[in-house]
Amino acid sequence: MTTSLARFKDGYTNGGRGVALRFMQSFRSVPLTPNQLTVTGFVLNTGAGILIFERHWVLATVLFVIGSAVDALDGALARAHDKMTRFGAFLDSTLDRVSEGVILGAIALVLADQGKTLALACVFVALVGSFLVSYTRAKAEAFGLKGDVGLMSRTERIVLLALALPFAGRGLLPYAIYLLAVLTTFTVVQRMAFVRKQLNSNVEG
C-alpha cells in the first residue's frame, strides 16, 4: 500500500514537473528571470493571504492557485533555459516557507476572530509541521540521504488548502486545518523514520 502510494505520488509529481518543463521550453525567451517568477509567486500568495483575512474566499483561492502555479514554474524556467543558480534555489525555498506562513497566518487570524480555539491551535501545528517537512528533507540531503518521502509535501498541502478555501464560508476551513495538522505531523514522522532506516542500513553495511 505504501509503495503504491509512493509510486502514485512520484507519478503525478514527476509528470507535473515534466509538463512545466516542456511548457517553459516552448518559449524561446521569457521576459522574467526565475528569481523574478519566484518573487511574483510570493507577492500573489501574499495577496491571497490578504483576501483570506478579508473573507473573499473565491478570489483568495484563485490568487493562491495562480501564485502557487507561478512559483512552481520558476524551477522549470531555470532548467529549461539553463539559468539554475544556488541562490535561486535558496530564494525559492525561503519564499515558499514565507508564503506558507502568510497563508496559514491569515487563516489563523480568521479562526481567532471566529473563536475557533482548537482549529487555531491546529494552525500552529500545521505551520510547524509544514516547516519541518521541508527541514527534514533538507537535513537528510545535507547528510547525503533521501528525505523526500511522505504523504504531505508542499504540493499536497497546496491542493488541500485550494480545495478547502472556496468553502470556508460554509464552515469547512477548521476541518481542513485539522486534517492538515494531522497529515503534516504524520509526514514529519515518516521522514524521520525513513532517515533513521537509511542511517541504520549504512551502519550495518
C-alpha atoms as a PDB file:
ATOM      1  CA  MET A   1       0.000   0.000   0.000  1.00  0.00           C
ATOM      2  CA  THR A   2       2.764   2.419   0.971  1.00  0.00           C
ATOM      3  CA  THR A   3       4.760   1.537  -2.146  1.00  0.00           C
ATOM      4  CA  SER A   4       1.715   2.028  -4.397  1.00  0.00           C
ATOM      5  CA  LEU A   5       1.024   5.413  -2.813  1.00  0.00           C
ATOM      6  CA  ALA A   6       4.654   6.446  -3.258  1.00  0.00           C
ATOM      7  CA  ARG A   7       4.580   5.415  -6.917  1.00  0.00           C
ATOM      8  CA  PHE A   8       1.337   7.335  -7.470  1.00  0.00           C
ATOM      9  CA  LYS A   9       2.813  10.418  -5.822  1.00  0.00           C
ATOM     10  CA  ASP A  10       6.043  10.162  -7.817  1.00  0.00           C
ATOM     11  CA  GLY A  11       3.951   9.792 -10.960  1.00  0.00           C
ATOM     12  CA  TYR A  12       1.995  12.997 -10.646  1.00  0.00           C
ATOM     13  CA  THR A  13       4.929  14.933  -9.166  1.00  0.00           C
ATOM     14  CA  ASN A  14       7.326  13.995 -11.941  1.00  0.00           C
ATOM     15  CA  GLY A  15       4.545  14.330 -14.507  1.00  0.00           C
ATOM     16  CA  GLY A  16       3.771  17.852 -13.356  1.00  0.00           C
ATOM     17  CA  ARG A  17       7.424  18.821 -13.465  1.00  0.00           C
ATOM     18  CA  GLY A  18       7.704  17.380 -16.959  1.00  0.00           C
ATOM     19  CA  VAL A  19       4.701  19.379 -18.179  1.00  0.00           C
ATOM     20  CA  ALA A  20       6.085  22.571 -16.635  1.00  0.00           C
ATOM     21  CA  LEU A  21       9.494  21.951 -18.205  1.00  0.00           C
ATOM     22  CA  ARG A  22       8.029  21.367 -21.674  1.00  0.00           C
ATOM     23  CA  PHE A  23       5.856  24.449 -21.268  1.00  0.00           C
ATOM     24  CA  MET A  24       8.850  26.631 -20.485  1.00  0.00           C
ATOM     25  CA  GLN A  25      10.926  25.035 -23.251  1.00  0.00           C
ATOM     26  CA  SER A  26       8.266  26.073 -25.757  1.00  0.00           C
ATOM     27  CA  PHE A  27       9.199  29.721 -25.218  1.00  0.00           C
ATOM     28  CA  ARG A  28      12.401  30.917 -26.841  1.00  0.00           C
ATOM     29  CA  SER A  29      12.600  33.711 -24.326  1.00  0.00           C
ATOM     30  CA  VAL A  30      10.704  34.642 -21.177  1.00  0.00           C
ATOM     31  CA  PRO A  31      10.540  38.280 -20.011  1.00  0.00           C
ATOM     32  CA  LEU A  32      11.059  37.241 -16.375  1.00  0.00           C
ATOM     33  CA  THR A  33      14.013  35.542 -14.732  1.00  0.00           C
ATOM     34  CA  PRO A  34      13.443  32.525 -12.461  1.00  0.00           C
ATOM     35  CA  ASN A  35      14.064  34.701  -9.399  1.00  0.00           C
ATOM     36  CA  GLN A  36      11.527  37.247 -10.619  1.00  0.00           C
ATOM     37  CA  LEU A  37       8.982  34.446 -11.063  1.00  0.00           C
ATOM     38  CA  THR A  38       9.729  33.307  -7.512  1.00  0.00           C
ATOM     39  CA  VAL A  39       9.099  36.793  -6.138  1.00  0.00           C
ATOM     40  CA  THR A  40       5.951  37.166  -8.280  1.00  0.00           C
ATOM     41  CA  GLY A  41       4.545  33.931  -6.864  1.00  0.00           C
ATOM     42  CA  PHE A  42       5.297  35.171  -3.350  1.00  0.00           C
ATOM     43  CA  VAL A  43       3.565  38.511  -3.998  1.00  0.00           C
ATOM     44  CA  LEU A  44       0.483  36.728  -5.375  1.00  0.00           C
ATOM     45  CA  ASN A  45       0.359  34.426  -2.349  1.00  0.00           C
ATOM     46  CA  THR A  46       0.662  37.445  -0.069  1.00  0.00           C
ATOM     47  CA  GLY A  47      -2.302  38.960  -1.896  1.00  0.00           C
ATOM     48  CA  ALA A  48      -4.179  35.703  -1.364  1.00  0.00           C
ATOM     49  CA  GLY A  49      -3.420  35.937   2.358  1.00  0.00           C
ATOM     50  CA  ILE A  50      -4.910  39.436   2.466  1.00  0.00           C
ATOM     51  CA  LEU A  51      -8.033  38.221   0.657  1.00  0.00           C
ATOM     52  CA  ILE A  52      -8.352  35.332   3.119  1.00  0.00           C
ATOM     53  CA  PHE A  53      -8.255  37.804   6.001  1.00  0.00           C
ATOM     54  CA  GLU A  54     -10.952  39.847   4.242  1.00  0.00           C
ATOM     55  CA  ARG A  55     -13.040  36.657   3.746  1.00  0.00           C
ATOM     56  CA  HIS A  56     -13.036  36.880  -0.050  1.00  0.00           C
ATOM     57  CA  TRP A  57     -12.763  33.117  -0.285  1.00  0.00           C
ATOM     58  CA  VAL A  58     -13.167  32.502  -4.015  1.00  0.00           C
ATOM     59  CA  LEU A  59     -10.872  35.342  -5.063  1.00  0.00           C
ATOM     60  CA  ALA A  60      -8.353  34.226  -2.443  1.00  0.00           C
ATOM     61  CA  THR A  61      -8.426  30.706  -3.852  1.00  0.00           C
ATOM     62  CA  VAL A  62      -7.898  31.926  -7.413  1.00  0.00           C
ATOM     63  CA  LEU A  63      -4.957  34.109  -6.407  1.00  0.00           C
ATOM     64  CA  PHE A  64      -3.499  31.339  -4.237  1.00  0.00           C
ATOM     65  CA  VAL A  65      -3.668  28.805  -7.068  1.00  0.00           C
ATOM     66  CA  ILE A  66      -2.181  31.234  -9.596  1.00  0.00           C
ATOM     67  CA  GLY A  67       0.564  32.255  -7.172  1.00  0.00           C
ATOM     68  CA  SER A  68       1.406  28.630  -6.418  1.00  0.00           C
ATOM     69  CA  ALA A  69       1.454  27.778 -10.134  1.00  0.00           C
ATOM     70  CA  VAL A  70       3.752  30.723 -10.920  1.00  0.00           C
ATOM     71  CA  ASP A  71       6.029  29.669  -8.082  1.00  0.00           C
ATOM     72  CA  ALA A  72       6.151  26.138  -9.484  1.00  0.00           C
ATOM     73  CA  LEU A  73       7.281  27.444 -12.867  1.00  0.00           C
ATOM     74  CA  ASP A  74      10.444  29.157 -11.614  1.00  0.00           C
ATOM     75  CA  GLY A  75      12.359  25.907 -11.354  1.00  0.00           C
ATOM     76  CA  ALA A  76      11.085  24.763 -14.744  1.00  0.00           C
ATOM     77  CA  LEU A  77      12.202  28.054 -16.295  1.00  0.00           C
ATOM     78  CA  ALA A  78      15.627  27.727 -14.710  1.00  0.00           C
ATOM     79  CA  ARG A  79      16.065  24.170 -16.016  1.00  0.00           C
ATOM     80  CA  ALA A  80      14.625  24.886 -19.481  1.00  0.00           C
ATOM     81  CA  HIS A  81      16.900  27.857 -20.145  1.00  0.00           C
ATOM     82  CA  ASP A  82      19.927  26.745 -18.117  1.00  0.00           C
ATOM     83  CA  LYS A  83      19.517  29.509 -15.531  1.00  0.00           C
ATOM     84  CA  MET A  84      19.796  27.406 -12.390  1.00  0.00           C
ATOM     85  CA  THR A  85      21.738  29.068  -9.572  1.00  0.00           C
ATOM     86  CA  ARG A  86      22.338  28.168  -5.948  1.00  0.00           C
ATOM     87  CA  PHE A  87      20.914  31.489  -4.799  1.00  0.00           C
ATOM     88  CA  GLY A  88      17.810  30.910  -6.914  1.00  0.00           C
ATOM     89  CA  ALA A  89      17.206  27.581  -5.183  1.00  0.00           C
ATOM     90  CA  PHE A  90      17.789  29.216  -1.801  1.00  0.00           C
ATOM     91  CA  LEU A  91      15.425  32.105  -2.590  1.00  0.00           C
ATOM     92  CA  ASP A  92      12.720  29.758  -3.860  1.00  0.00           C
ATOM     93  CA  SER A  93      12.875  27.551  -0.765  1.00  0.00           C
ATOM     94  CA  THR A  94      12.887  30.535   1.582  1.00  0.00           C
ATOM     95  CA  LEU A  95       9.956  32.345  -0.028  1.00  0.00           C
ATOM     96  CA  ASP A  96       7.993  29.079  -0.174  1.00  0.00           C
ATOM     97  CA  ARG A  97       8.188  28.908   3.615  1.00  0.00           C
ATOM     98  CA  VAL A  98       7.216  32.574   3.980  1.00  0.00           C
ATOM     99  CA  SER A  99       4.274  32.088   1.608  1.00  0.00           C
ATOM    100  CA  GLU A 100       3.001  29.197   3.698  1.00  0.00           C
ATOM    101  CA  GLY A 101       3.380  31.316   6.801  1.00  0.00           C
ATOM    102  CA  VAL A 102       1.365  34.142   5.219  1.00  0.00           C
ATOM    103  CA  ILE A 103      -1.482  31.853   4.117  1.00  0.00           C
ATOM    104  CA  LEU A 104      -1.701  29.934   7.391  1.00  0.00           C
ATOM    105  CA  GLY A 105      -1.247  33.147   9.368  1.00  0.00           C
ATOM    106  CA  ALA A 106      -4.213  34.709   7.585  1.00  0.00           C
ATOM    107  CA  ILE A 107      -6.269  31.588   8.278  1.00  0.00           C
ATOM    108  CA  ALA A 108      -5.223  31.758  11.932  1.00  0.00           C
ATOM    109  CA  LEU A 109      -6.477  35.351  12.188  1.00  0.00           C
ATOM    110  CA  VAL A 110      -9.833  34.351  10.713  1.00  0.00           C
ATOM    111  CA  LEU A 111     -10.198  31.393  13.083  1.00  0.00           C
ATOM    112  CA  ALA A 112      -9.203  33.537  16.050  1.00  0.00           C
ATOM    113  CA  ASP A 113     -11.860  36.081  15.113  1.00  0.00           C
ATOM    114  CA  GLN A 114     -14.399  33.247  14.911  1.00  0.00           C
ATOM    115  CA  GLY A 115     -13.390  31.898  18.311  1.00  0.00           C
ATOM    116  CA  LYS A 116     -12.288  28.547  16.882  1.00  0.00           C
ATOM    117  CA  THR A 117      -9.664  27.837  19.538  1.00  0.00           C
ATOM    118  CA  LEU A 118      -8.931  24.212  18.635  1.00  0.00           C
ATOM    119  CA  ALA A 119      -8.626  24.987  14.923  1.00  0.00           C
ATOM    120  CA  LEU A 120      -6.399  27.955  15.755  1.00  0.00           C
ATOM    121  CA  ALA A 121      -4.083  25.701  17.760  1.00  0.00           C
ATOM    122  CA  CYS A 122      -4.021  23.261  14.839  1.00  0.00           C
ATOM    123  CA  VAL A 123      -2.910  26.053  12.506  1.00  0.00           C
ATOM    124  CA  PHE A 124       0.276  26.338  14.565  1.00  0.00           C
ATOM    125  CA  VAL A 125       0.713  22.555  14.487  1.00  0.00           C
ATOM    126  CA  ALA A 126       0.230  22.584  10.718  1.00  0.00           C
ATOM    127  CA  LEU A 127       2.642  25.500  10.291  1.00  0.00           C
ATOM    128  CA  VAL A 128       5.383  23.879  12.358  1.00  0.00           C
ATOM    129  CA  GLY A 129       4.714  20.572  10.619  1.00  0.00           C
ATOM    130  CA  SER A 130       4.948  22.192   7.175  1.00  0.00           C
ATOM    131  CA  PHE A 131       8.271  23.787   8.049  1.00  0.00           C
ATOM    132  CA  LEU A 132       9.580  20.526   9.495  1.00  0.00           C
ATOM    133  CA  VAL A 133       8.567  18.587   6.387  1.00  0.00           C
ATOM    134  CA  SER A 134      10.881  20.826   4.385  1.00  0.00           C
ATOM    135  CA  TYR A 135      13.571  20.943   7.075  1.00  0.00           C
ATOM    136  CA  THR A 136      13.810  17.165   7.452  1.00  0.00           C
ATOM    137  CA  ARG A 137      14.277  16.779   3.712  1.00  0.00           C
ATOM    138  CA  ALA A 138      16.968  19.475   3.595  1.00  0.00           C
ATOM    139  CA  LYS A 139      18.777  17.995   6.598  1.00  0.00           C
ATOM    140  CA  ALA A 140      18.638  14.477   5.166  1.00  0.00           C
ATOM    141  CA  GLU A 141      20.015  15.661   1.824  1.00  0.00           C
ATOM    142  CA  ALA A 142      22.802  17.501   3.669  1.00  0.00           C
ATOM    143  CA  PHE A 143      23.796  14.082   5.038  1.00  0.00           C
ATOM    144  CA  GLY A 144      23.710  12.619   1.532  1.00  0.00           C
ATOM    145  CA  LEU A 145      20.441  10.775   2.205  1.00  0.00           C
ATOM    146  CA  LYS A 146      16.981  10.834   0.659  1.00  0.00           C
ATOM    147  CA  GLY A 147      14.320  12.738   2.560  1.00  0.00           C
ATOM    148  CA  ASP A 148      11.537  13.301   0.059  1.00  0.00           C
ATOM    149  CA  VAL A 149       9.193  10.536   1.206  1.00  0.00           C
ATOM    150  CA  GLY A 150       5.896  11.130   2.954  1.00  0.00           C
ATOM    151  CA  LEU A 151       2.284  11.862   2.315  1.00  0.00           C
ATOM    152  CA  MET A 152       2.033  15.644   2.691  1.00  0.00           C
ATOM    153  CA  SER A 153       4.680  17.554   0.782  1.00  0.00           C
ATOM    154  CA  ARG A 154       4.154  21.127  -0.437  1.00  0.00           C
ATOM    155  CA  THR A 155       2.101  20.130  -3.486  1.00  0.00           C
ATOM    156  CA  GLU A 156      -0.402  18.167  -1.403  1.00  0.00           C
ATOM    157  CA  ARG A 157      -0.663  20.992   1.139  1.00  0.00           C
ATOM    158  CA  ILE A 158      -1.448  23.461  -1.640  1.00  0.00           C
ATOM    159  CA  VAL A 159      -4.111  21.159  -3.086  1.00  0.00           C
ATOM    160  CA  LEU A 160      -5.774  20.615   0.295  1.00  0.00           C
ATOM    161  CA  LEU A 161      -5.983  24.339   1.031  1.00  0.00           C
ATOM    162  CA  ALA A 162      -7.105  25.165  -2.510  1.00  0.00           C
ATOM    163  CA  LEU A 163      -9.967  22.673  -2.157  1.00  0.00           C
ATOM    164  CA  ALA A 164     -10.997  23.964   1.265  1.00  0.00           C
ATOM    165  CA  LEU A 165     -10.770  27.738   0.831  1.00  0.00           C
ATOM    166  CA  PRO A 166     -13.763  28.216  -1.522  1.00  0.00           C
ATOM    167  CA  PHE A 167     -15.980  26.508   1.068  1.00  0.00           C
ATOM    168  CA  ALA A 168     -14.550  28.295   4.096  1.00  0.00           C
ATOM    169  CA  GLY A 169     -17.718  30.393   4.355  1.00  0.00           C
ATOM    170  CA  ARG A 170     -19.666  27.188   4.916  1.00  0.00           C
ATOM    171  CA  GLY A 171     -17.580  26.144   7.889  1.00  0.00           C
ATOM    172  CA  LEU A 172     -15.220  23.719   6.149  1.00  0.00           C
ATOM    173  CA  LEU A 173     -11.986  25.548   6.987  1.00  0.00           C
ATOM    174  CA  PRO A 174     -11.476  24.222  10.555  1.00  0.00           C
ATOM    175  CA  TYR A 175     -11.820  20.627   9.350  1.00  0.00           C
ATOM    176  CA  ALA A 176      -9.272  21.218   6.593  1.00  0.00           C
ATOM    177  CA  ILE A 177      -6.879  22.609   9.192  1.00  0.00           C
ATOM    178  CA  TYR A 178      -7.422  19.590  11.477  1.00  0.00           C
ATOM    179  CA  LEU A 179      -6.562  17.319   8.546  1.00  0.00           C
ATOM    180  CA  LEU A 180      -3.552  19.423   7.555  1.00  0.00           C
ATOM    181  CA  ALA A 181      -2.194  19.357  11.104  1.00  0.00           C
ATOM    182  CA  VAL A 182      -2.519  15.571  11.357  1.00  0.00           C
ATOM    183  CA  LEU A 183      -1.072  14.833   7.923  1.00  0.00           C
ATOM    184  CA  THR A 184       1.898  17.197   8.179  1.00  0.00           C
ATOM    185  CA  THR A 185       2.795  15.732  11.562  1.00  0.00           C
ATOM    186  CA  PHE A 186       2.487  12.225  10.133  1.00  0.00           C
ATOM    187  CA  THR A 187       4.741  13.189   7.215  1.00  0.00           C
ATOM    188  CA  VAL A 188       7.423  14.511   9.556  1.00  0.00           C
ATOM    189  CA  VAL A 189       7.365  11.188  11.422  1.00  0.00           C
ATOM    190  CA  GLN A 190       7.546   9.332   8.093  1.00  0.00           C
ATOM    191  CA  ARG A 191      10.633  11.264   7.042  1.00  0.00           C
ATOM    192  CA  MET A 192      12.338  10.842  10.404  1.00  0.00           C
ATOM    193  CA  ALA A 193      11.728   7.083  10.270  1.00  0.00           C
ATOM    194  CA  PHE A 194      12.987   6.906   6.684  1.00  0.00           C
ATOM    195  CA  VAL A 195      16.195   8.782   7.530  1.00  0.00           C
ATOM    196  CA  ARG A 196      16.758   6.549  10.558  1.00  0.00           C
ATOM    197  CA  LYS A 197      16.291   3.481   8.380  1.00  0.00           C
ATOM    198  CA  GLN A 198      18.883   4.750   5.886  1.00  0.00           C
ATOM    199  CA  LEU A 199      21.377   5.559   8.643  1.00  0.00           C
ATOM    200  CA  ASN A 200      20.935   2.121  10.191  1.00  0.00           C
ATOM    201  CA  SER A 201      21.417   0.497   6.789  1.00  0.00           C
ATOM    202  CA  ASN A 202      24.653   2.426   6.299  1.00  0.00           C
ATOM    203  CA  VAL A 203      25.924   1.288   9.702  1.00  0.00           C
ATOM    204  CA  GLU A 204      25.042  -2.339   9.002  1.00  0.00           C
ATOM    205  CA  GLY A 205      26.595  -2.116   5.548  1.00  0.00           C
END
